[in-house]
C-alpha atoms as a PDB file:
ATOM      1  CA  UNK A   1       0.190   0.006   0.098  1.00  0.00           C
ATOM      2  CA  UNK A   2       1.598   3.377  -0.915  1.00  0.00           C
ATOM      3  CA  UNK A   3       1.599   6.050   1.772  1.00  0.00           C
ATOM      4  CA  UNK A   4      -0.790   8.144   0.360  1.00  0.00           C
ATOM      5  CA  UNK A   5      -3.443   5.534  -0.138  1.00  0.00           C
ATOM      6  CA  UNK A   6      -2.803   4.234   3.550  1.00  0.00           C
ATOM      7  CA  UNK A   7      -3.018   7.618   4.799  1.00  0.00           C
ATOM      8  CA  UNK A   8      -6.394   8.423   2.660  1.00  0.00           C
ATOM      9  CA  UNK A   9      -7.756   4.894   4.241  1.00  0.00           C
ATOM     10  CA  UNK A  10      -7.007   5.642   7.536  1.00  0.00           C
ATOM     11  CA  UNK A  11      -8.739   9.282   7.343  1.00  0.00           C
ATOM     12  CA  UNK A  12     -11.477   7.796   5.541  1.00  0.00           C
ATOM     13  CA  UNK A  13     -12.077   4.747   7.800  1.00  0.00           C
ATOM     14  CA  UNK A  14     -11.654   7.140  10.742  1.00  0.00           C
ATOM     15  CA  UNK A  15     -14.320   9.514   9.637  1.00  0.00           C
ATOM     16  CA  UNK A  16     -16.766   6.618   8.971  1.00  0.00           C
ATOM     17  CA  UNK A  17     -16.360   5.195  12.191  1.00  0.00           C
ATOM     18  CA  UNK A  18     -16.422   8.591  13.756  1.00  0.00           C
ATOM     19  CA  UNK A  19     -13.344   7.757  15.659  1.00  0.00           C
ATOM     20  CA  UNK A  20     -10.500  10.159  16.500  1.00  0.00           C
ATOM     21  CA  UNK A  21      -7.682   9.520  13.946  1.00  0.00           C
ATOM     22  CA  UNK A  22      -5.018  10.540  16.383  1.00  0.00           C
ATOM     23  CA  UNK A  23      -5.845   7.484  18.541  1.00  0.00           C
ATOM     24  CA  UNK A  24      -5.895   4.865  15.839  1.00  0.00           C
ATOM     25  CA  UNK A  25      -3.353   2.732  13.777  1.00  0.00           C
ATOM     26  CA  UNK A  26      -3.629   1.223  10.182  1.00  0.00           C
ATOM     27  CA  UNK A  27      -2.182  -2.163   9.767  1.00  0.00           C
ATOM     28  CA  UNK A  28      -2.264  -3.157   6.289  1.00  0.00           C
ATOM     29  CA  UNK A  29      -0.756  -6.098   4.561  1.00  0.00           C
ATOM     30  CA  UNK A  30      -2.095  -8.894   6.263  1.00  0.00           C
ATOM     31  CA  UNK A  31      -2.140 -12.074   4.503  1.00  0.00           C
ATOM     32  CA  UNK A  32      -5.534 -12.991   2.980  1.00  0.00           C
ATOM     33  CA  UNK A  33      -5.229 -16.481   4.560  1.00  0.00           C
ATOM     34  CA  UNK A  34      -4.650 -15.046   8.175  1.00  0.00           C
ATOM     35  CA  UNK A  35      -7.702 -15.803  10.450  1.00  0.00           C
ATOM     36  CA  UNK A  36      -8.769 -13.513  13.407  1.00  0.00           C
ATOM     37  CA  UNK A  37      -7.235 -15.359  15.966  1.00  0.00           C
ATOM     38  CA  UNK A  38      -3.691 -15.489  14.274  1.00  0.00           C
ATOM     39  CA  UNK A  39      -4.306 -11.545  13.486  1.00  0.00           C
ATOM     40  CA  UNK A  40      -4.784 -10.944  17.221  1.00  0.00           C
ATOM     41  CA  UNK A  41      -1.947 -12.957  18.612  1.00  0.00           C
ATOM     42  CA  UNK A  42       0.285 -10.902  16.413  1.00  0.00           C
ATOM     43  CA  UNK A  43      -1.106  -7.669  16.835  1.00  0.00           C
ATOM     44  CA  UNK A  44      -0.673  -8.451  20.854  1.00  0.00           C
ATOM     45  CA  UNK A  45       2.762  -9.326  20.517  1.00  0.00           C
ATOM     46  CA  UNK A  46       3.625  -6.011  18.591  1.00  0.00           C
ATOM     47  CA  UNK A  47       1.142  -3.661  20.058  1.00  0.00           C
ATOM     48  CA  UNK A  48       0.961  -4.443  23.916  1.00  0.00           C
ATOM     49  CA  UNK A  49       3.817  -2.028  24.838  1.00  0.00           C
ATOM     50  CA  UNK A  50       1.127   0.671  23.521  1.00  0.00           C
ATOM     51  CA  UNK A  51      -0.931  -0.251  26.474  1.00  0.00           C
ATOM     52  CA  UNK A  52      -4.670  -1.145  25.649  1.00  0.00           C
ATOM     53  CA  UNK A  53      -6.141  -1.496  22.061  1.00  0.00           C
ATOM     54  CA  UNK A  54      -9.189  -2.313  20.067  1.00  0.00           C
ATOM     55  CA  UNK A  55      -9.580  -4.073  16.770  1.00  0.00           C
ATOM     56  CA  UNK A  56     -12.372  -1.908  15.363  1.00  0.00           C
ATOM     57  CA  UNK A  57     -12.606  -3.501  11.939  1.00  0.00           C
ATOM     58  CA  UNK A  58     -10.750  -5.266   9.198  1.00  0.00           C
ATOM     59  CA  UNK A  59     -11.531  -5.202   5.154  1.00  0.00           C
ATOM     60  CA  UNK A  60     -10.022  -6.873   2.399  1.00  0.00           C
ATOM     61  CA  UNK A  61      -7.663  -4.511   0.164  1.00  0.00           C
ATOM     62  CA  UNK A  62      -8.409  -6.118  -3.187  1.00  0.00           C
ATOM     63  CA  UNK A  63      -5.661  -3.758  -5.005  1.00  0.00           C
ATOM     64  CA  UNK A  64      -3.076  -5.534  -2.463  1.00  0.00           C
ATOM     65  CA  UNK A  65      -4.718  -9.212  -2.052  1.00  0.00           C
ATOM     66  CA  UNK A  66      -4.321  -8.445   1.677  1.00  0.00           C
ATOM     67  CA  UNK A  67      -6.220  -7.287   4.630  1.00  0.00           C
ATOM     68  CA  UNK A  68      -5.964  -4.520   6.547  1.00  0.00           C
ATOM     69  CA  UNK A  69      -7.410  -3.577  10.010  1.00  0.00           C
ATOM     70  CA  UNK A  70      -8.119  -0.267  11.844  1.00  0.00           C
ATOM     71  CA  UNK A  71      -7.079  -0.310  15.711  1.00  0.00           C
ATOM     72  CA  UNK A  72      -7.830   2.192  18.311  1.00  0.00           C
ATOM     73  CA  UNK A  73      -5.888   2.914  21.307  1.00  0.00           C
ATOM     74  CA  UNK A  74      -8.102   4.807  24.110  1.00  0.00           C
ATOM     75  CA  UNK A  75      -4.938   6.544  25.212  1.00  0.00           C
ATOM     76  CA  UNK A  76      -3.161   9.205  23.265  1.00  0.00           C
ATOM     77  CA  UNK A  77      -0.314   7.440  21.020  1.00  0.00           C
ATOM     78  CA  UNK A  78       3.434   8.972  21.135  1.00  0.00           C
ATOM     79  CA  UNK A  79       5.352   7.426  18.498  1.00  0.00           C
ATOM     80  CA  UNK A  80       8.398   9.837  19.429  1.00  0.00           C
ATOM     81  CA  UNK A  81      11.442   7.902  20.141  1.00  0.00           C
ATOM     82  CA  UNK A  82      12.610   8.437  23.802  1.00  0.00           C
END
């Protein structure tokens, strides 16, 4: 997914679901055959340091032949390096 396409998808998805874009992450490139449990296990391993998060939705991106998921963190996300 190109950066522009990913940003547009994130903005549109957040607007459509009425969630704050500053509290959301977009994960793309998830293999089509990856199931819900595998997605959640993988995300938990990577995202658990951010604190609690919720998988809001997932879609299939035909152009990429892969899935994408929208994740919300109820706390403010801070991606600055410390």
